[in-house]
Amino acid sequence: MLADMLHEITQLQRGPAHPTPLPDSGFIQSAMLNQCSIPPTTATRQDSQAKKLEEMKHAKNNAIAAKREAALEAKLKAAENKATEARARKEMAAEKKEALAQARKVEAAKKRAAIVEAKRIAAEERKALTVAKKEMAAAKRAAVARAREETQAAKKAKKN
């Protein structure tokens, strides 16, 4: 594409700035007769050599332009690959971050569950301890009541 643009620019620079009127047909016919009768000279050879040289310059410029274009495409492709790799690294980092966050959530949930279980066990132990204390207090009251009854029975028996 770049080579085509360069070729068009060089074509535009060579052409005449203002179009010239076409010669009469009689002039063209006489020039054709004269041209056929003139043998090729060194001037025409030099013109053909100049054309060949110009064609060689164009070919060289086209090759250089093609190399430049290939280098530009390679740079573009490298930049694209670099961007793709960077995007992949970002995605991997985001996935890793998300996995760590999920693991932290699971760990926190386990910790909360362990705390709730520990509180439940502690509450059961307190309840059992309270029940045991109540039973001991009831047994002690019963023993005190029996002892009082016995002492009262013993006092009655002494009076009688």
N, C-alpha and C. Protein backbone atom coordinates (compact mmCIF):
# COMPACT_ATOMS: atom_id res chain seq x y z
N MET A 1 0.83 -1.17 0.00
CA MET A 1 0.00 0.00 0.00
C MET A 1 0.88 1.25 0.00
N LEU A 2 1.87 1.25 0.84
CA LEU A 2 2.80 2.37 0.93
C LEU A 2 3.57 2.51 -0.38
N ALA A 3 3.92 1.35 -0.94
CA ALA A 3 4.65 1.37 -2.19
C ALA A 3 3.79 1.96 -3.31
N ASP A 4 2.51 1.60 -3.33
CA ASP A 4 1.60 2.16 -4.34
C ASP A 4 1.48 3.66 -4.21
N MET A 5 1.41 4.13 -2.97
CA MET A 5 1.28 5.58 -2.74
C MET A 5 2.54 6.32 -3.21
N LEU A 6 3.71 5.73 -2.93
CA LEU A 6 4.96 6.35 -3.37
C LEU A 6 5.03 6.37 -4.90
N HIS A 7 4.59 5.29 -5.52
CA HIS A 7 4.60 5.20 -6.97
C HIS A 7 3.69 6.27 -7.57
N GLU A 8 2.50 6.45 -7.00
CA GLU A 8 1.57 7.47 -7.51
C GLU A 8 2.15 8.87 -7.36
N ILE A 9 2.82 9.12 -6.24
CA ILE A 9 3.41 10.45 -6.01
C ILE A 9 4.48 10.75 -7.05
N THR A 10 5.33 9.75 -7.32
CA THR A 10 6.38 9.96 -8.33
C THR A 10 5.78 10.13 -9.72
N GLN A 11 4.68 9.45 -10.00
CA GLN A 11 4.00 9.59 -11.29
C GLN A 11 3.44 11.00 -11.44
N LEU A 12 2.86 11.51 -10.37
CA LEU A 12 2.27 12.85 -10.41
C LEU A 12 3.33 13.92 -10.58
N GLN A 13 4.50 13.71 -10.01
CA GLN A 13 5.56 14.71 -10.09
C GLN A 13 6.16 14.78 -11.49
N ARG A 14 6.15 13.71 -12.25
CA ARG A 14 6.76 13.68 -13.56
C ARG A 14 5.89 14.31 -14.65
N GLY A 15 4.59 14.19 -14.48
CA GLY A 15 3.66 14.65 -15.52
C GLY A 15 3.71 16.16 -15.70
N PRO A 16 3.28 16.66 -16.88
CA PRO A 16 3.29 18.11 -17.10
C PRO A 16 2.28 18.79 -16.19
N ALA A 17 2.64 20.01 -15.79
CA ALA A 17 1.78 20.75 -14.88
C ALA A 17 0.51 21.19 -15.58
N HIS A 18 0.63 21.59 -16.86
CA HIS A 18 -0.53 22.03 -17.63
C HIS A 18 -0.63 21.20 -18.90
N PRO A 19 -1.81 20.71 -19.21
CA PRO A 19 -1.91 19.91 -20.44
C PRO A 19 -1.67 20.80 -21.68
N THR A 20 -0.96 20.22 -22.65
CA THR A 20 -0.66 20.95 -23.90
C THR A 20 -1.65 20.52 -24.97
N PRO A 21 -1.98 21.38 -25.87
CA PRO A 21 -2.93 21.01 -26.92
C PRO A 21 -2.30 19.97 -27.85
N LEU A 22 -3.11 19.12 -28.41
CA LEU A 22 -2.63 18.08 -29.32
C LEU A 22 -2.28 18.71 -30.68
N PRO A 23 -1.18 18.22 -31.31
CA PRO A 23 -0.80 18.77 -32.62
C PRO A 23 -1.78 18.33 -33.71
N ASP A 24 -1.68 18.98 -34.84
CA ASP A 24 -2.55 18.64 -35.98
C ASP A 24 -2.22 17.25 -36.49
N SER A 25 -3.17 16.63 -37.13
CA SER A 25 -2.97 15.27 -37.63
C SER A 25 -1.93 15.23 -38.75
N GLY A 26 -1.79 16.29 -39.53
CA GLY A 26 -0.77 16.33 -40.58
C GLY A 26 0.61 16.30 -39.96
N PHE A 27 0.77 16.99 -38.91
CA PHE A 27 2.06 17.01 -38.21
C PHE A 27 2.39 15.62 -37.67
N ILE A 28 1.38 14.96 -37.16
CA ILE A 28 1.59 13.63 -36.59
C ILE A 28 2.00 12.66 -37.69
N GLN A 29 1.36 12.76 -38.84
CA GLN A 29 1.69 11.85 -39.93
C GLN A 29 3.09 12.08 -40.44
N SER A 30 3.50 13.34 -40.57
CA SER A 30 4.85 13.61 -41.05
C SER A 30 5.88 13.18 -40.01
N ALA A 31 5.54 13.32 -38.76
CA ALA A 31 6.48 12.90 -37.71
C ALA A 31 6.62 11.39 -37.72
N MET A 32 5.55 10.68 -38.03
CA MET A 32 5.62 9.23 -38.10
C MET A 32 6.50 8.78 -39.26
N LEU A 33 6.41 9.45 -40.37
CA LEU A 33 7.25 9.11 -41.51
C LEU A 33 8.71 9.38 -41.20
N ASN A 34 8.98 10.51 -40.56
CA ASN A 34 10.35 10.86 -40.20
C ASN A 34 10.90 9.89 -39.16
N GLN A 35 10.08 9.47 -38.28
CA GLN A 35 10.53 8.59 -37.21
C GLN A 35 10.93 7.24 -37.76
N CYS A 36 10.19 6.73 -38.70
CA CYS A 36 10.51 5.43 -39.29
C CYS A 36 11.80 5.49 -40.08
N SER A 37 12.10 6.63 -40.70
CA SER A 37 13.28 6.72 -41.54
C SER A 37 14.54 7.00 -40.73
N ILE A 38 14.38 7.41 -39.47
CA ILE A 38 15.56 7.71 -38.65
C ILE A 38 16.03 6.42 -37.97
N PRO A 39 17.29 6.06 -38.21
CA PRO A 39 17.80 4.86 -37.54
C PRO A 39 18.02 5.15 -36.05
N PRO A 40 18.01 4.13 -35.22
CA PRO A 40 18.23 4.33 -33.79
C PRO A 40 19.63 4.90 -33.54
N THR A 41 19.70 5.83 -32.65
CA THR A 41 20.98 6.49 -32.34
C THR A 41 21.33 6.20 -30.89
N THR A 42 22.46 6.76 -30.51
CA THR A 42 22.89 6.58 -29.12
C THR A 42 21.95 7.31 -28.17
N ALA A 43 21.29 8.35 -28.68
CA ALA A 43 20.37 9.09 -27.83
C ALA A 43 19.21 8.19 -27.40
N THR A 44 18.71 7.38 -28.34
CA THR A 44 17.61 6.49 -27.98
C THR A 44 18.10 5.39 -27.05
N ARG A 45 19.35 4.96 -27.27
CA ARG A 45 19.92 3.96 -26.36
C ARG A 45 20.05 4.55 -24.95
N GLN A 46 20.49 5.80 -24.90
CA GLN A 46 20.64 6.45 -23.60
C GLN A 46 19.28 6.62 -22.93
N ASP A 47 18.26 6.94 -23.75
CA ASP A 47 16.93 7.06 -23.19
C ASP A 47 16.46 5.73 -22.61
N SER A 48 16.72 4.64 -23.36
CA SER A 48 16.29 3.33 -22.86
C SER A 48 17.09 2.96 -21.61
N GLN A 49 18.37 3.34 -21.58
CA GLN A 49 19.17 3.08 -20.37
C GLN A 49 18.64 3.90 -19.20
N ALA A 50 18.24 5.12 -19.49
CA ALA A 50 17.69 5.97 -18.43
C ALA A 50 16.39 5.37 -17.90
N LYS A 51 15.59 4.83 -18.86
CA LYS A 51 14.35 4.19 -18.44
C LYS A 51 14.64 2.97 -17.57
N LYS A 52 15.62 2.19 -17.99
CA LYS A 52 16.00 1.01 -17.21
C LYS A 52 16.48 1.42 -15.83
N LEU A 53 17.31 2.48 -15.78
CA LEU A 53 17.82 2.97 -14.51
C LEU A 53 16.66 3.44 -13.62
N GLU A 54 15.72 4.15 -14.24
CA GLU A 54 14.55 4.63 -13.50
C GLU A 54 13.73 3.44 -12.98
N GLU A 55 13.56 2.41 -13.82
CA GLU A 55 12.84 1.22 -13.40
C GLU A 55 13.56 0.52 -12.25
N MET A 56 14.90 0.47 -12.33
CA MET A 56 15.68 -0.14 -11.26
C MET A 56 15.51 0.66 -9.95
N LYS A 57 15.50 1.99 -10.07
CA LYS A 57 15.30 2.84 -8.88
C LYS A 57 13.92 2.57 -8.28
N HIS A 58 12.92 2.47 -9.17
CA HIS A 58 11.56 2.18 -8.69
C HIS A 58 11.52 0.82 -7.99
N ALA A 59 12.16 -0.18 -8.59
CA ALA A 59 12.17 -1.52 -8.01
C ALA A 59 12.86 -1.48 -6.64
N LYS A 60 13.98 -0.75 -6.56
CA LYS A 60 14.71 -0.64 -5.30
C LYS A 60 13.85 0.08 -4.25
N ASN A 61 13.21 1.17 -4.66
CA ASN A 61 12.33 1.91 -3.74
C ASN A 61 11.16 1.03 -3.29
N ASN A 62 10.62 0.26 -4.24
CA ASN A 62 9.52 -0.64 -3.89
C ASN A 62 9.98 -1.71 -2.89
N ALA A 63 11.18 -2.24 -3.10
CA ALA A 63 11.72 -3.24 -2.18
C ALA A 63 11.94 -2.65 -0.79
N ILE A 64 12.48 -1.44 -0.76
CA ILE A 64 12.70 -0.76 0.53
C ILE A 64 11.37 -0.51 1.22
N ALA A 65 10.39 -0.06 0.45
CA ALA A 65 9.07 0.20 1.02
C ALA A 65 8.45 -1.10 1.54
N ALA A 66 8.65 -2.18 0.79
CA ALA A 66 8.11 -3.48 1.22
C ALA A 66 8.78 -3.92 2.52
N LYS A 67 10.11 -3.71 2.62
CA LYS A 67 10.82 -4.06 3.86
C LYS A 67 10.31 -3.22 5.02
N ARG A 68 10.12 -1.91 4.76
CA ARG A 68 9.60 -1.03 5.82
C ARG A 68 8.22 -1.48 6.27
N GLU A 69 7.40 -1.82 5.30
CA GLU A 69 6.04 -2.26 5.61
C GLU A 69 6.07 -3.57 6.40
N ALA A 70 6.97 -4.49 6.02
CA ALA A 70 7.09 -5.76 6.73
C ALA A 70 7.58 -5.51 8.16
N ALA A 71 8.54 -4.60 8.32
CA ALA A 71 9.03 -4.28 9.66
C ALA A 71 7.93 -3.66 10.50
N LEU A 72 7.15 -2.78 9.89
CA LEU A 72 6.04 -2.14 10.59
C LEU A 72 4.99 -3.17 11.01
N GLU A 73 4.70 -4.10 10.11
CA GLU A 73 3.75 -5.17 10.44
C GLU A 73 4.29 -6.04 11.57
N ALA A 74 5.59 -6.33 11.55
CA ALA A 74 6.20 -7.15 12.61
C ALA A 74 6.10 -6.42 13.95
N LYS A 75 6.37 -5.10 13.95
CA LYS A 75 6.26 -4.32 15.18
C LYS A 75 4.82 -4.33 15.68
N LEU A 76 3.89 -4.16 14.75
CA LEU A 76 2.47 -4.16 15.11
C LEU A 76 2.07 -5.49 15.72
N LYS A 77 2.53 -6.58 15.09
CA LYS A 77 2.20 -7.91 15.58
C LYS A 77 2.82 -8.14 16.95
N ALA A 78 4.06 -7.67 17.15
CA ALA A 78 4.72 -7.82 18.44
C ALA A 78 3.98 -7.03 19.52
N ALA A 79 3.55 -5.83 19.18
CA ALA A 79 2.80 -5.01 20.13
C ALA A 79 1.47 -5.67 20.47
N GLU A 80 0.84 -6.25 19.46
CA GLU A 80 -0.43 -6.94 19.67
C GLU A 80 -0.25 -8.15 20.58
N ASN A 81 0.83 -8.92 20.33
CA ASN A 81 1.12 -10.08 21.18
C ASN A 81 1.40 -9.65 22.61
N LYS A 82 2.15 -8.56 22.75
CA LYS A 82 2.49 -8.05 24.08
C LYS A 82 1.21 -7.63 24.81
N ALA A 83 0.31 -6.96 24.11
CA ALA A 83 -0.95 -6.54 24.71
C ALA A 83 -1.79 -7.76 25.10
N THR A 84 -1.80 -8.77 24.26
CA THR A 84 -2.55 -9.99 24.55
C THR A 84 -1.99 -10.68 25.79
N GLU A 85 -0.65 -10.75 25.88
CA GLU A 85 -0.02 -11.37 27.05
C GLU A 85 -0.32 -10.57 28.31
N ALA A 86 -0.29 -9.25 28.21
CA ALA A 86 -0.58 -8.40 29.37
C ALA A 86 -2.03 -8.61 29.82
N ARG A 87 -2.94 -8.68 28.86
CA ARG A 87 -4.35 -8.92 29.17
C ARG A 87 -4.51 -10.28 29.86
N ALA A 88 -3.79 -11.29 29.36
CA ALA A 88 -3.87 -12.63 29.95
C ALA A 88 -3.33 -12.61 31.38
N ARG A 89 -2.20 -11.88 31.60
CA ARG A 89 -1.64 -11.78 32.95
C ARG A 89 -2.62 -11.09 33.90
N LYS A 90 -3.28 -10.04 33.41
CA LYS A 90 -4.26 -9.33 34.24
C LYS A 90 -5.42 -10.26 34.60
N GLU A 91 -5.89 -11.02 33.61
CA GLU A 91 -6.99 -11.95 33.86
C GLU A 91 -6.58 -13.01 34.87
N MET A 92 -5.35 -13.53 34.74
CA MET A 92 -4.87 -14.55 35.68
C MET A 92 -4.77 -13.95 37.09
N ALA A 93 -4.27 -12.72 37.18
CA ALA A 93 -4.16 -12.06 38.49
C ALA A 93 -5.54 -11.85 39.10
N ALA A 94 -6.50 -11.46 38.27
CA ALA A 94 -7.86 -11.25 38.76
C ALA A 94 -8.46 -12.58 39.24
N GLU A 95 -8.23 -13.65 38.49
CA GLU A 95 -8.74 -14.97 38.88
C GLU A 95 -8.10 -15.42 40.20
N LYS A 96 -6.78 -15.19 40.33
CA LYS A 96 -6.07 -15.56 41.54
C LYS A 96 -6.60 -14.76 42.73
N LYS A 97 -6.82 -13.47 42.52
CA LYS A 97 -7.35 -12.62 43.57
C LYS A 97 -8.74 -13.08 43.98
N GLU A 98 -9.55 -13.42 43.00
CA GLU A 98 -10.90 -13.91 43.29
C GLU A 98 -10.86 -15.23 44.05
N ALA A 99 -9.95 -16.12 43.67
CA ALA A 99 -9.82 -17.40 44.36
C ALA A 99 -9.38 -17.18 45.81
N LEU A 100 -8.45 -16.26 46.02
CA LEU A 100 -8.00 -15.97 47.39
C LEU A 100 -9.15 -15.39 48.22
N ALA A 101 -9.92 -14.50 47.61
CA ALA A 101 -11.05 -13.91 48.32
C ALA A 101 -12.06 -15.00 48.68
N GLN A 102 -12.30 -15.91 47.75
CA GLN A 102 -13.24 -17.01 48.00
C GLN A 102 -12.71 -17.90 49.13
N ALA A 103 -11.41 -18.18 49.12
CA ALA A 103 -10.80 -19.01 50.17
C ALA A 103 -10.92 -18.31 51.53
N ARG A 104 -10.71 -16.99 51.54
CA ARG A 104 -10.85 -16.24 52.79
C ARG A 104 -12.29 -16.30 53.29
N LYS A 105 -13.25 -16.21 52.37
CA LYS A 105 -14.66 -16.29 52.77
C LYS A 105 -14.97 -17.66 53.38
N VAL A 106 -14.47 -18.71 52.75
CA VAL A 106 -14.70 -20.07 53.25
C VAL A 106 -14.06 -20.22 54.63
N GLU A 107 -12.84 -19.72 54.77
CA GLU A 107 -12.13 -19.81 56.05
C GLU A 107 -12.88 -19.03 57.14
N ALA A 108 -13.38 -17.85 56.80
CA ALA A 108 -14.14 -17.04 57.77
C ALA A 108 -15.43 -17.76 58.15
N ALA A 109 -16.09 -18.40 57.18
CA ALA A 109 -17.32 -19.14 57.47
C ALA A 109 -17.03 -20.31 58.42
N LYS A 110 -15.92 -21.01 58.18
CA LYS A 110 -15.53 -22.12 59.06
C LYS A 110 -15.24 -21.61 60.47
N LYS A 111 -14.55 -20.48 60.54
CA LYS A 111 -14.22 -19.90 61.83
C LYS A 111 -15.49 -19.51 62.59
N ARG A 112 -16.43 -18.86 61.88
CA ARG A 112 -17.70 -18.48 62.51
C ARG A 112 -18.45 -19.72 63.00
N ALA A 113 -18.46 -20.77 62.18
CA ALA A 113 -19.14 -22.01 62.55
C ALA A 113 -18.49 -22.61 63.80
N ALA A 114 -17.15 -22.58 63.87
CA ALA A 114 -16.44 -23.11 65.03
C ALA A 114 -16.77 -22.29 66.28
N ILE A 115 -16.84 -20.98 66.13
CA ILE A 115 -17.17 -20.11 67.26
C ILE A 115 -18.59 -20.38 67.75
N VAL A 116 -19.53 -20.52 66.80
CA VAL A 116 -20.92 -20.81 67.15
C VAL A 116 -21.00 -22.15 67.87
N GLU A 117 -20.28 -23.16 67.38
CA GLU A 117 -20.27 -24.48 68.00
C GLU A 117 -19.69 -24.41 69.41
N ALA A 118 -18.60 -23.65 69.56
CA ALA A 118 -17.99 -23.50 70.89
C ALA A 118 -18.95 -22.82 71.85
N LYS A 119 -19.66 -21.79 71.37
CA LYS A 119 -20.65 -21.11 72.22
C LYS A 119 -21.78 -22.04 72.60
N ARG A 120 -22.23 -22.88 71.66
CA ARG A 120 -23.30 -23.84 71.93
C ARG A 120 -22.86 -24.84 72.99
N ILE A 121 -21.65 -25.35 72.86
CA ILE A 121 -21.13 -26.32 73.83
C ILE A 121 -21.00 -25.66 75.20
N ALA A 122 -20.48 -24.42 75.23
CA ALA A 122 -20.35 -23.72 76.50
C ALA A 122 -21.71 -23.49 77.16
N ALA A 123 -22.71 -23.15 76.34
CA ALA A 123 -24.07 -22.95 76.87
C ALA A 123 -24.62 -24.25 77.44
N GLU A 124 -24.39 -25.38 76.74
CA GLU A 124 -24.85 -26.68 77.24
C GLU A 124 -24.16 -27.02 78.56
N GLU A 125 -22.86 -26.75 78.64
CA GLU A 125 -22.12 -27.03 79.87
C GLU A 125 -22.65 -26.17 81.02
N ARG A 126 -22.91 -24.88 80.75
CA ARG A 126 -23.46 -24.00 81.78
C ARG A 126 -24.83 -24.50 82.24
N LYS A 127 -25.62 -24.93 81.28
CA LYS A 127 -26.96 -25.44 81.60
C LYS A 127 -26.85 -26.69 82.46
N ALA A 128 -25.95 -27.60 82.04
CA ALA A 128 -25.75 -28.82 82.82
C ALA A 128 -25.24 -28.50 84.22
N LEU A 129 -24.33 -27.54 84.33
CA LEU A 129 -23.80 -27.12 85.62
C LEU A 129 -24.90 -26.51 86.49
N THR A 130 -25.74 -25.69 85.85
CA THR A 130 -26.86 -25.08 86.58
C THR A 130 -27.82 -26.17 87.08
N VAL A 131 -28.11 -27.14 86.22
CA VAL A 131 -29.01 -28.24 86.61
C VAL A 131 -28.38 -29.01 87.78
N ALA A 132 -27.06 -29.29 87.68
CA ALA A 132 -26.36 -30.03 88.74
C ALA A 132 -26.38 -29.23 90.05
N LYS A 133 -26.17 -27.92 89.98
CA LYS A 133 -26.22 -27.07 91.17
C LYS A 133 -27.61 -27.09 91.79
N LYS A 134 -28.63 -27.00 90.94
CA LYS A 134 -30.00 -27.03 91.43
C LYS A 134 -30.28 -28.37 92.11
N GLU A 135 -29.82 -29.46 91.50
CA GLU A 135 -30.02 -30.78 92.10
C GLU A 135 -29.30 -30.88 93.43
N MET A 136 -28.08 -30.38 93.50
CA MET A 136 -27.31 -30.42 94.74
C MET A 136 -27.99 -29.56 95.82
N ALA A 137 -28.48 -28.40 95.37
CA ALA A 137 -29.17 -27.52 96.33
C ALA A 137 -30.45 -28.19 96.83
N ALA A 138 -31.18 -28.85 95.94
CA ALA A 138 -32.40 -29.54 96.33
C ALA A 138 -32.08 -30.68 97.28
N ALA A 139 -30.98 -31.43 96.97
CA ALA A 139 -30.56 -32.54 97.84
C ALA A 139 -30.15 -32.01 99.21
N LYS A 140 -29.45 -30.88 99.23
CA LYS A 140 -29.00 -30.28 100.48
C LYS A 140 -30.20 -29.81 101.29
N ARG A 141 -31.17 -29.19 100.63
CA ARG A 141 -32.39 -28.75 101.33
C ARG A 141 -33.15 -29.95 101.90
N ALA A 142 -33.19 -31.01 101.06
CA ALA A 142 -33.88 -32.22 101.52
C ALA A 142 -33.15 -32.81 102.73
N ALA A 143 -31.83 -32.81 102.69
CA ALA A 143 -31.04 -33.34 103.80
C ALA A 143 -31.24 -32.47 105.04
N VAL A 144 -31.24 -31.15 104.84
CA VAL A 144 -31.45 -30.22 105.96
C VAL A 144 -32.85 -30.42 106.52
N ALA A 145 -33.83 -30.58 105.65
CA ALA A 145 -35.20 -30.78 106.09
C ALA A 145 -35.32 -32.09 106.86
N ARG A 146 -34.68 -33.14 106.41
CA ARG A 146 -34.70 -34.44 107.09
C ARG A 146 -34.02 -34.32 108.45
N ALA A 147 -32.90 -33.61 108.42
CA ALA A 147 -32.17 -33.44 109.68
C ALA A 147 -33.03 -32.67 110.67
N ARG A 148 -33.74 -31.65 110.23
CA ARG A 148 -34.62 -30.86 111.10
C ARG A 148 -35.75 -31.75 111.62
N GLU A 149 -36.31 -32.55 110.68
CA GLU A 149 -37.40 -33.44 111.10
C GLU A 149 -36.89 -34.42 112.15
N GLU A 150 -35.71 -34.94 111.94
CA GLU A 150 -35.13 -35.92 112.87
C GLU A 150 -34.89 -35.26 114.23
N THR A 151 -34.35 -34.04 114.16
CA THR A 151 -34.10 -33.34 115.44
C THR A 151 -35.41 -33.02 116.15
N GLN A 152 -36.41 -32.64 115.37
CA GLN A 152 -37.71 -32.36 115.97
C GLN A 152 -38.32 -33.66 116.51
N ALA A 153 -38.17 -34.75 115.78
CA ALA A 153 -38.68 -36.04 116.23
C ALA A 153 -37.92 -36.48 117.50
N ALA A 154 -36.66 -36.20 117.53
CA ALA A 154 -35.86 -36.58 118.71
C ALA A 154 -36.27 -35.73 119.90
N LYS A 155 -36.59 -34.46 119.71
CA LYS A 155 -37.03 -33.57 120.78
C LYS A 155 -38.39 -34.04 121.30
N LYS A 156 -39.29 -34.44 120.41
CA LYS A 156 -40.60 -34.94 120.78
C LYS A 156 -40.45 -36.24 121.54
N ALA A 157 -39.54 -37.06 121.12
CA ALA A 157 -39.33 -38.33 121.77
C ALA A 157 -38.76 -38.09 123.16
N LYS A 158 -38.01 -37.12 123.41
CA LYS A 158 -37.44 -36.82 124.71
C LYS A 158 -38.52 -36.27 125.62
N LYS A 159 -39.39 -35.52 125.12
CA LYS A 159 -40.48 -34.96 125.89
C LYS A 159 -41.44 -36.08 126.25
N ASN A 160 -41.63 -36.95 125.50
CA ASN A 160 -42.59 -38.02 125.74
C ASN A 160 -41.96 -39.07 126.53
